[in-house]
Amino acid sequence: MGNIIEVNGNNIEREHVCCAISDKKSTQVKKEWMKERFLEGYQFWKADAQGKAFIEFVPAENAWTPIVADGYLFIDCFWVAGSLAKKGYGTALLERCAGEAERLGKKGLVAISSDKKRPFLSDPVFYKKRGFRTADTAQPYFELLYLPFDEATDVPRFRENAKKGTITQQGVVICYSDHCPWNAKYIPLLEKAAQERNAPVAFQKIADREAAQNAASPFTTFSVYYNGMFVTNEMMSDKKFGKFLNEKGF
C-alpha cells in the first residue's frame, strides 16, 4: 500500500480531489468549495495510488448535515473504489481520521450511513466491523453511526428537522449543494430534462452550512422528494432522471 496524502491549501491546485467524475469544471467547483471549508477545520486525505480512495472529515459543528454531535469529528465522505478494495486503504484512511480526532481532542468519530449498503453512502458493515454503533436513525433508511473514544461521552443524534424525511412542497423537489462536484455537471442536465418534459420540478440549492443543518434529509448533497416524501439520495444521470419523471407521469 502506498502513502496517504493530505490535500490542503498548499497543494490543492495540483492534487486530484474528485471521485466519480473527473471533468475540469466540476473538479474546480469542488476545489473552490474545499478552500472555504479548510478554514472550518475540513480535511481531505487520499491514497497515493492509481485509483480513488479518500476520506473527508470536519468538526461536526461545521458539518453540512443536520446532526447534533458537538465535540465529534464528522466523516463527510469516505470512498474506496473497487480497484483498490481489500488492499488496506480503507482501514488506513479511517485510522488517519481517528488519529486526527484524537490529536484534536475530539470525543470520537461520527458518520452518516444506512440500514444496508446503498449508493453514495458508506457501507455500514465496514464501519460496524470497526466498532461503530448506531446512534440514531432517520426516515427512510439513514443511520447515524458513531465511534466514541470514551464510553461516558454523549451520544450524537440527528436534528429533528431531518428525521421524518418529509417536506411541505408537492411535486418533484430536488435539494442539492456544491458539496459534491457531480452537481456542477449534472444539475443543469436534470434541469434541461425537466424543461423538455414541461415537468414542474423545483431545484433548491443549499447554499450554506446553516441551511444544510436545517435540511429535511441527512444527505444534503442531493435529495429527491415527491409529493412531500423523500424518495432517494442517489444522484441521477439525466437519462435516469428522465425515466423517473416518466414514472411520475411527466
C-alpha atoms as a PDB file:
ATOM      1  CA  MET A   1       0.000   0.000   0.000  1.00  0.00           C
ATOM      2  CA  GLY A   2       1.229   3.477  -0.840  1.00  0.00           C
ATOM      3  CA  ASN A   3       1.285   6.632   1.230  1.00  0.00           C
ATOM      4  CA  ILE A   4      -1.655   8.703   2.453  1.00  0.00           C
ATOM      5  CA  ILE A   5      -1.638  12.301   1.220  1.00  0.00           C
ATOM      6  CA  GLU A   6      -3.355  15.280   2.826  1.00  0.00           C
ATOM      7  CA  VAL A   7      -4.834  17.685   0.301  1.00  0.00           C
ATOM      8  CA  ASN A   8      -4.787  21.190   1.775  1.00  0.00           C
ATOM      9  CA  GLY A   9      -4.486  24.830   0.800  1.00  0.00           C
ATOM     10  CA  ASN A  10      -0.860  24.390  -0.161  1.00  0.00           C
ATOM     11  CA  ASN A  11      -1.284  21.623  -2.719  1.00  0.00           C
ATOM     12  CA  ILE A  12      -4.941  21.581  -3.739  1.00  0.00           C
ATOM     13  CA  GLU A  13      -4.339  23.104  -7.164  1.00  0.00           C
ATOM     14  CA  ARG A  14      -2.035  20.285  -8.227  1.00  0.00           C
ATOM     15  CA  GLU A  15      -3.732  17.376  -6.437  1.00  0.00           C
ATOM     16  CA  HIS A  16      -6.729  15.473  -7.785  1.00  0.00           C
ATOM     17  CA  VAL A  17      -9.768  15.603  -5.487  1.00  0.00           C
ATOM     18  CA  CYS A  18     -12.732  14.347  -7.499  1.00  0.00           C
ATOM     19  CA  CYS A  19     -14.394  10.980  -7.016  1.00  0.00           C
ATOM     20  CA  ALA A  20     -16.943   9.708  -9.544  1.00  0.00           C
ATOM     21  CA  ILE A  21     -16.278  12.317 -12.222  1.00  0.00           C
ATOM     22  CA  SER A  22     -13.154  13.996 -13.494  1.00  0.00           C
ATOM     23  CA  ASP A  23     -14.024  16.864 -15.831  1.00  0.00           C
ATOM     24  CA  LYS A  24     -12.088  20.043 -15.095  1.00  0.00           C
ATOM     25  CA  LYS A  25     -15.061  22.333 -14.458  1.00  0.00           C
ATOM     26  CA  SER A  26     -16.694  20.076 -11.877  1.00  0.00           C
ATOM     27  CA  THR A  27     -13.405  19.387 -10.138  1.00  0.00           C
ATOM     28  CA  GLN A  28     -12.716  23.103  -9.810  1.00  0.00           C
ATOM     29  CA  VAL A  29     -16.122  23.673  -8.219  1.00  0.00           C
ATOM     30  CA  LYS A  30     -15.220  21.110  -5.555  1.00  0.00           C
ATOM     31  CA  LYS A  31     -11.800  22.672  -5.017  1.00  0.00           C
ATOM     32  CA  GLU A  32     -13.242  26.144  -4.516  1.00  0.00           C
ATOM     33  CA  TRP A  33     -15.727  24.697  -2.033  1.00  0.00           C
ATOM     34  CA  MET A  34     -12.914  22.895  -0.198  1.00  0.00           C
ATOM     35  CA  LYS A  35     -10.795  26.045   0.081  1.00  0.00           C
ATOM     36  CA  GLU A  36     -13.569  27.704   2.052  1.00  0.00           C
ATOM     37  CA  ARG A  37     -14.087  24.640   4.233  1.00  0.00           C
ATOM     38  CA  PHE A  38     -10.383  24.377   5.145  1.00  0.00           C
ATOM     39  CA  LEU A  39     -10.952  27.479   7.286  1.00  0.00           C
ATOM     40  CA  GLU A  40     -13.553  25.497   9.261  1.00  0.00           C
ATOM     41  CA  GLY A  41     -11.273  22.552  10.030  1.00  0.00           C
ATOM     42  CA  TYR A  42     -12.153  20.457   6.992  1.00  0.00           C
ATOM     43  CA  GLN A  43      -9.578  17.839   6.000  1.00  0.00           C
ATOM     44  CA  PHE A  44      -9.222  15.701   2.877  1.00  0.00           C
ATOM     45  CA  TRP A  45      -6.895  12.687   2.818  1.00  0.00           C
ATOM     46  CA  LYS A  46      -6.375  10.339  -0.116  1.00  0.00           C
ATOM     47  CA  ALA A  47      -4.333   7.316  -1.089  1.00  0.00           C
ATOM     48  CA  ASP A  48      -1.259   7.942  -3.191  1.00  0.00           C
ATOM     49  CA  ALA A  49      -2.332   5.314  -5.705  1.00  0.00           C
ATOM     50  CA  GLN A  50      -3.735   4.813  -9.193  1.00  0.00           C
ATOM     51  CA  GLY A  51      -7.402   4.857  -8.285  1.00  0.00           C
ATOM     52  CA  LYS A  52      -9.770   6.634  -5.980  1.00  0.00           C
ATOM     53  CA  ALA A  53      -9.534   6.164  -2.219  1.00  0.00           C
ATOM     54  CA  PHE A  54     -10.165   9.107   0.080  1.00  0.00           C
ATOM     55  CA  ILE A  55     -11.756  10.334   3.282  1.00  0.00           C
ATOM     56  CA  GLU A  56     -13.108  13.785   4.092  1.00  0.00           C
ATOM     57  CA  PHE A  57     -13.864  14.925   7.623  1.00  0.00           C
ATOM     58  CA  VAL A  58     -14.628  18.072   9.592  1.00  0.00           C
ATOM     59  CA  PRO A  59     -15.539  19.089  13.167  1.00  0.00           C
ATOM     60  CA  ALA A  60     -19.176  18.047  13.477  1.00  0.00           C
ATOM     61  CA  GLU A  61     -20.234  21.554  14.462  1.00  0.00           C
ATOM     62  CA  ASN A  62     -19.199  22.685  10.972  1.00  0.00           C
ATOM     63  CA  ALA A  63     -20.675  19.760   9.054  1.00  0.00           C
ATOM     64  CA  TRP A  64     -23.083  20.443   6.202  1.00  0.00           C
ATOM     65  CA  THR A  65     -25.579  17.968   7.591  1.00  0.00           C
ATOM     66  CA  PRO A  66     -28.377  18.093  10.196  1.00  0.00           C
ATOM     67  CA  ILE A  67     -26.760  16.414  13.194  1.00  0.00           C
ATOM     68  CA  VAL A  68     -26.051  17.288  16.819  1.00  0.00           C
ATOM     69  CA  ALA A  69     -22.600  15.901  17.575  1.00  0.00           C
ATOM     70  CA  ASP A  70     -20.628  18.635  19.296  1.00  0.00           C
ATOM     71  CA  GLY A  71     -17.074  17.580  20.018  1.00  0.00           C
ATOM     72  CA  TYR A  72     -17.007  14.803  17.422  1.00  0.00           C
ATOM     73  CA  LEU A  73     -15.221  14.630  14.090  1.00  0.00           C
ATOM     74  CA  PHE A  74     -17.700  14.049  11.274  1.00  0.00           C
ATOM     75  CA  ILE A  75     -16.747  11.797   8.341  1.00  0.00           C
ATOM     76  CA  ASP A  76     -18.155  13.755   5.459  1.00  0.00           C
ATOM     77  CA  CYS A  77     -17.319  11.364   2.624  1.00  0.00           C
ATOM     78  CA  PHE A  78     -15.420   8.070   2.586  1.00  0.00           C
ATOM     79  CA  TRP A  79     -14.890   6.055  -0.554  1.00  0.00           C
ATOM     80  CA  VAL A  80     -12.538   3.356  -1.790  1.00  0.00           C
ATOM     81  CA  ALA A  81     -13.010   2.371  -5.434  1.00  0.00           C
ATOM     82  CA  GLY A  82     -13.327  -1.277  -6.327  1.00  0.00           C
ATOM     83  CA  SER A  83      -9.877  -1.341  -7.935  1.00  0.00           C
ATOM     84  CA  LEU A  84      -8.324  -0.530  -4.558  1.00  0.00           C
ATOM     85  CA  ALA A  85     -10.666  -2.556  -2.345  1.00  0.00           C
ATOM     86  CA  LYS A  86      -9.230  -5.056   0.145  1.00  0.00           C
ATOM     87  CA  LYS A  87      -5.769  -3.557  -0.096  1.00  0.00           C
ATOM     88  CA  GLY A  88      -5.821  -1.809   3.268  1.00  0.00           C
ATOM     89  CA  TYR A  89      -6.603   1.693   2.049  1.00  0.00           C
ATOM     90  CA  GLY A  90      -9.967   1.944   3.770  1.00  0.00           C
ATOM     91  CA  THR A  91      -8.523   0.900   7.114  1.00  0.00           C
ATOM     92  CA  ALA A  92      -5.534   3.216   6.720  1.00  0.00           C
ATOM     93  CA  LEU A  93      -7.721   6.203   5.876  1.00  0.00           C
ATOM     94  CA  LEU A  94     -10.080   5.550   8.781  1.00  0.00           C
ATOM     95  CA  GLU A  95      -7.127   5.184  11.139  1.00  0.00           C
ATOM     96  CA  ARG A  96      -5.748   8.503   9.917  1.00  0.00           C
ATOM     97  CA  CYS A  97      -9.119  10.116  10.601  1.00  0.00           C
ATOM     98  CA  ALA A  98      -9.254   8.612  14.106  1.00  0.00           C
ATOM     99  CA  GLY A  99      -5.695   9.754  14.762  1.00  0.00           C
ATOM    100  CA  GLU A 100      -6.603  13.303  13.767  1.00  0.00           C
ATOM    101  CA  ALA A 101      -9.648  13.172  16.040  1.00  0.00           C
ATOM    102  CA  GLU A 102      -7.515  12.128  18.990  1.00  0.00           C
ATOM    103  CA  ARG A 103      -4.909  14.773  18.184  1.00  0.00           C
ATOM    104  CA  LEU A 104      -7.620  17.424  18.164  1.00  0.00           C
ATOM    105  CA  GLY A 105      -9.081  16.194  21.448  1.00  0.00           C
ATOM    106  CA  LYS A 106     -12.379  15.060  19.928  1.00  0.00           C
ATOM    107  CA  LYS A 107     -14.893  12.753  21.590  1.00  0.00           C
ATOM    108  CA  GLY A 108     -14.837  10.326  18.680  1.00  0.00           C
ATOM    109  CA  LEU A 109     -16.000   9.874  15.100  1.00  0.00           C
ATOM    110  CA  VAL A 110     -19.468  10.150  13.618  1.00  0.00           C
ATOM    111  CA  ALA A 111     -20.741   9.312  10.119  1.00  0.00           C
ATOM    112  CA  ILE A 112     -23.976   9.022   8.164  1.00  0.00           C
ATOM    113  CA  SER A 113     -24.697   5.620   6.662  1.00  0.00           C
ATOM    114  CA  SER A 114     -27.784   3.488   6.063  1.00  0.00           C
ATOM    115  CA  ASP A 115     -29.576   0.295   7.049  1.00  0.00           C
ATOM    116  CA  LYS A 116     -27.666  -1.566   4.321  1.00  0.00           C
ATOM    117  CA  LYS A 117     -25.189  -0.709   1.572  1.00  0.00           C
ATOM    118  CA  ARG A 118     -26.761   1.967  -0.619  1.00  0.00           C
ATOM    119  CA  PRO A 119     -25.475   4.218  -3.417  1.00  0.00           C
ATOM    120  CA  PHE A 120     -23.450   7.262  -2.338  1.00  0.00           C
ATOM    121  CA  LEU A 121     -23.407   6.205   1.326  1.00  0.00           C
ATOM    122  CA  SER A 122     -20.547   4.446   3.089  1.00  0.00           C
ATOM    123  CA  ASP A 123     -21.028   0.760   3.811  1.00  0.00           C
ATOM    124  CA  PRO A 124     -22.387   0.309   7.359  1.00  0.00           C
ATOM    125  CA  VAL A 125     -20.801  -3.140   7.594  1.00  0.00           C
ATOM    126  CA  PHE A 126     -17.326  -1.646   7.190  1.00  0.00           C
ATOM    127  CA  TYR A 127     -17.979   0.845   9.983  1.00  0.00           C
ATOM    128  CA  LYS A 128     -19.578  -1.613  12.375  1.00  0.00           C
ATOM    129  CA  LYS A 129     -16.774  -4.132  11.987  1.00  0.00           C
ATOM    130  CA  ARG A 130     -14.510  -1.388  13.296  1.00  0.00           C
ATOM    131  CA  GLY A 131     -16.564  -0.612  16.386  1.00  0.00           C
ATOM    132  CA  PHE A 132     -19.059   1.975  15.173  1.00  0.00           C
ATOM    133  CA  ARG A 133     -22.532   1.852  16.705  1.00  0.00           C
ATOM    134  CA  THR A 134     -25.915   3.206  15.688  1.00  0.00           C
ATOM    135  CA  ALA A 135     -26.573   6.466  17.494  1.00  0.00           C
ATOM    136  CA  ASP A 136     -29.794   7.488  15.750  1.00  0.00           C
ATOM    137  CA  THR A 137     -31.943   6.853  12.689  1.00  0.00           C
ATOM    138  CA  ALA A 138     -33.881   9.000  10.206  1.00  0.00           C
ATOM    139  CA  GLN A 139     -36.505   8.089   7.628  1.00  0.00           C
ATOM    140  CA  PRO A 140     -36.485   6.180   5.451  1.00  0.00           C
ATOM    141  CA  TYR A 141     -33.149   4.371   5.863  1.00  0.00           C
ATOM    142  CA  PHE A 142     -30.469   6.685   7.259  1.00  0.00           C
ATOM    143  CA  GLU A 143     -28.350   5.732  10.250  1.00  0.00           C
ATOM    144  CA  LEU A 144     -26.063   7.958  12.290  1.00  0.00           C
ATOM    145  CA  LEU A 145     -23.080   5.855  13.321  1.00  0.00           C
ATOM    146  CA  TYR A 146     -20.528   6.816  15.945  1.00  0.00           C
ATOM    147  CA  LEU A 147     -17.291   5.606  17.491  1.00  0.00           C
ATOM    148  CA  PRO A 148     -16.766   7.148  20.932  1.00  0.00           C
ATOM    149  CA  PHE A 149     -13.322   7.320  22.489  1.00  0.00           C
ATOM    150  CA  ASP A 150     -14.872   7.344  25.977  1.00  0.00           C
ATOM    151  CA  GLU A 151     -17.889   5.237  26.967  1.00  0.00           C
ATOM    152  CA  ALA A 152     -19.198   8.060  29.144  1.00  0.00           C
ATOM    153  CA  THR A 153     -19.434  10.590  26.326  1.00  0.00           C
ATOM    154  CA  ASP A 154     -22.743  11.855  24.958  1.00  0.00           C
ATOM    155  CA  VAL A 155     -24.419  10.117  22.008  1.00  0.00           C
ATOM    156  CA  PRO A 156     -24.842  12.109  18.759  1.00  0.00           C
ATOM    157  CA  ARG A 157     -28.251  12.464  17.109  1.00  0.00           C
ATOM    158  CA  PHE A 158     -29.990  13.709  14.004  1.00  0.00           C
ATOM    159  CA  ARG A 159     -31.703  17.070  14.233  1.00  0.00           C
ATOM    160  CA  GLU A 160     -35.472  16.753  14.443  1.00  0.00           C
ATOM    161  CA  ASN A 161     -35.949  18.546  11.113  1.00  0.00           C
ATOM    162  CA  ALA A 162     -34.215  15.654   9.316  1.00  0.00           C
ATOM    163  CA  LYS A 163     -35.814  12.652  10.990  1.00  0.00           C
ATOM    164  CA  LYS A 164     -39.150  12.361   9.158  1.00  0.00           C
ATOM    165  CA  GLY A 165     -37.968  12.651   5.549  1.00  0.00           C
ATOM    166  CA  THR A 166     -40.801  14.973   4.567  1.00  0.00           C
ATOM    167  CA  ILE A 167     -41.243  18.485   3.193  1.00  0.00           C
ATOM    168  CA  THR A 168     -44.334  20.601   2.680  1.00  0.00           C
ATOM    169  CA  GLN A 169     -43.934  21.121  -1.077  1.00  0.00           C
ATOM    170  CA  GLN A 170     -45.759  18.909  -3.523  1.00  0.00           C
ATOM    171  CA  GLY A 171     -44.486  17.622  -6.857  1.00  0.00           C
ATOM    172  CA  VAL A 172     -40.855  16.806  -7.579  1.00  0.00           C
ATOM    173  CA  VAL A 173     -38.320  18.713  -5.486  1.00  0.00           C
ATOM    174  CA  ILE A 174     -34.554  18.285  -5.693  1.00  0.00           C
ATOM    175  CA  CYS A 175     -32.405  19.721  -2.910  1.00  0.00           C
ATOM    176  CA  TYR A 176     -28.670  19.849  -3.586  1.00  0.00           C
ATOM    177  CA  SER A 177     -25.430  21.623  -2.719  1.00  0.00           C
ATOM    178  CA  ASP A 178     -21.968  22.194  -4.198  1.00  0.00           C
ATOM    179  CA  HIS A 179     -20.686  19.678  -1.686  1.00  0.00           C
ATOM    180  CA  CYS A 180     -20.166  17.140  -4.462  1.00  0.00           C
ATOM    181  CA  PRO A 181     -18.617  18.085  -7.817  1.00  0.00           C
ATOM    182  CA  TRP A 182     -21.147  15.829  -9.530  1.00  0.00           C
ATOM    183  CA  ASN A 183     -23.751  18.549  -9.154  1.00  0.00           C
ATOM    184  CA  ALA A 184     -21.832  21.138 -11.156  1.00  0.00           C
ATOM    185  CA  LYS A 185     -22.167  18.951 -14.219  1.00  0.00           C
ATOM    186  CA  TYR A 186     -25.451  17.144 -13.740  1.00  0.00           C
ATOM    187  CA  ILE A 187     -27.866  19.612 -12.142  1.00  0.00           C
ATOM    188  CA  PRO A 188     -28.030  21.638 -15.402  1.00  0.00           C
ATOM    189  CA  LEU A 189     -28.720  18.385 -17.275  1.00  0.00           C
ATOM    190  CA  LEU A 190     -31.546  17.484 -14.882  1.00  0.00           C
ATOM    191  CA  GLU A 191     -32.990  20.979 -15.246  1.00  0.00           C
ATOM    192  CA  LYS A 192     -32.923  20.563 -19.031  1.00  0.00           C
ATOM    193  CA  ALA A 193     -34.606  17.146 -18.787  1.00  0.00           C
ATOM    194  CA  ALA A 194     -37.397  18.677 -16.688  1.00  0.00           C
ATOM    195  CA  GLN A 195     -37.850  21.573 -19.101  1.00  0.00           C
ATOM    196  CA  GLU A 196     -38.082  19.241 -22.101  1.00  0.00           C
ATOM    197  CA  ARG A 197     -40.977  17.412 -20.417  1.00  0.00           C
ATOM    198  CA  ASN A 198     -42.580  20.581 -19.049  1.00  0.00           C
ATOM    199  CA  ALA A 199     -42.254  18.917 -15.670  1.00  0.00           C
ATOM    200  CA  PRO A 200     -42.682  21.364 -12.755  1.00  0.00           C
ATOM    201  CA  VAL A 201     -39.545  20.285 -10.902  1.00  0.00           C
ATOM    202  CA  ALA A 202     -38.276  22.592  -8.146  1.00  0.00           C
ATOM    203  CA  PHE A 203     -34.484  22.738  -7.779  1.00  0.00           C
ATOM    204  CA  GLN A 204     -33.414  24.115  -4.417  1.00  0.00           C
ATOM    205  CA  LYS A 205     -29.746  24.793  -3.783  1.00  0.00           C
ATOM    206  CA  ILE A 206     -28.452  24.510  -0.232  1.00  0.00           C
ATOM    207  CA  ALA A 207     -26.025  27.414  -0.230  1.00  0.00           C
ATOM    208  CA  ASP A 208     -24.605  27.484   3.293  1.00  0.00           C
ATOM    209  CA  ARG A 209     -23.979  25.417   6.398  1.00  0.00           C
ATOM    210  CA  GLU A 210     -26.954  26.792   8.326  1.00  0.00           C
ATOM    211  CA  ALA A 211     -29.332  25.754   5.555  1.00  0.00           C
ATOM    212  CA  ALA A 212     -27.705  22.321   5.409  1.00  0.00           C
ATOM    213  CA  GLN A 213     -28.070  21.804   9.140  1.00  0.00           C
ATOM    214  CA  ASN A 214     -31.767  22.653   8.833  1.00  0.00           C
ATOM    215  CA  ALA A 215     -32.374  20.394   5.834  1.00  0.00           C
ATOM    216  CA  ALA A 216     -35.116  17.780   5.737  1.00  0.00           C
ATOM    217  CA  SER A 217     -32.714  14.990   4.794  1.00  0.00           C
ATOM    218  CA  PRO A 218     -29.404  13.920   6.357  1.00  0.00           C
ATOM    219  CA  PHE A 219     -27.918  13.731   2.850  1.00  0.00           C
ATOM    220  CA  THR A 220     -27.634  17.363   1.810  1.00  0.00           C
ATOM    221  CA  THR A 221     -25.566  16.760  -1.318  1.00  0.00           C
ATOM    222  CA  PHE A 222     -28.568  15.515  -3.289  1.00  0.00           C
ATOM    223  CA  SER A 223     -32.055  14.510  -2.177  1.00  0.00           C
ATOM    224  CA  VAL A 224     -35.191  13.942  -4.241  1.00  0.00           C
ATOM    225  CA  TYR A 225     -38.718  14.364  -2.887  1.00  0.00           C
ATOM    226  CA  TYR A 226     -42.063  13.600  -4.488  1.00  0.00           C
ATOM    227  CA  ASN A 227     -45.318  14.972  -3.077  1.00  0.00           C
ATOM    228  CA  GLY A 228     -43.595  15.795   0.176  1.00  0.00           C
ATOM    229  CA  MET A 229     -41.910  12.419   0.715  1.00  0.00           C
ATOM    230  CA  PHE A 230     -38.210  11.640   0.461  1.00  0.00           C
ATOM    231  CA  VAL A 231     -37.521   9.336  -2.495  1.00  0.00           C
ATOM    232  CA  THR A 232     -33.784   8.871  -2.836  1.00  0.00           C
ATOM    233  CA  ASN A 233     -30.315  10.284  -2.225  1.00  0.00           C
ATOM    234  CA  GLU A 234     -28.974   8.513  -5.324  1.00  0.00           C
ATOM    235  CA  MET A 235     -27.625  11.118  -7.702  1.00  0.00           C
ATOM    236  CA  MET A 236     -29.205  10.521 -11.107  1.00  0.00           C
ATOM    237  CA  SER A 237     -27.949  10.976 -14.627  1.00  0.00           C
ATOM    238  CA  ASP A 238     -30.236  12.897 -16.979  1.00  0.00           C
ATOM    239  CA  LYS A 239     -31.375   9.601 -18.530  1.00  0.00           C
ATOM    240  CA  LYS A 240     -32.236   8.069 -15.193  1.00  0.00           C
ATOM    241  CA  PHE A 241     -33.997  11.240 -14.132  1.00  0.00           C
ATOM    242  CA  GLY A 242     -35.999  11.171 -17.364  1.00  0.00           C
ATOM    243  CA  LYS A 243     -37.130   7.666 -16.533  1.00  0.00           C
ATOM    244  CA  PHE A 244     -38.099   8.808 -13.024  1.00  0.00           C
ATOM    245  CA  LEU A 245     -40.189  11.640 -14.476  1.00  0.00           C
ATOM    246  CA  ASN A 246     -41.862   9.244 -16.899  1.00  0.00           C
ATOM    247  CA  GLU A 247     -42.837   7.013 -13.984  1.00  0.00           C
ATOM    248  CA  LYS A 248     -44.411  10.027 -12.269  1.00  0.00           C
ATOM    249  CA  GLY A 249     -46.451  10.869 -15.350  1.00  0.00           C
ATOM    250  CA  PHE A 250     -44.369  13.722 -16.759  1.00  0.00           C
END
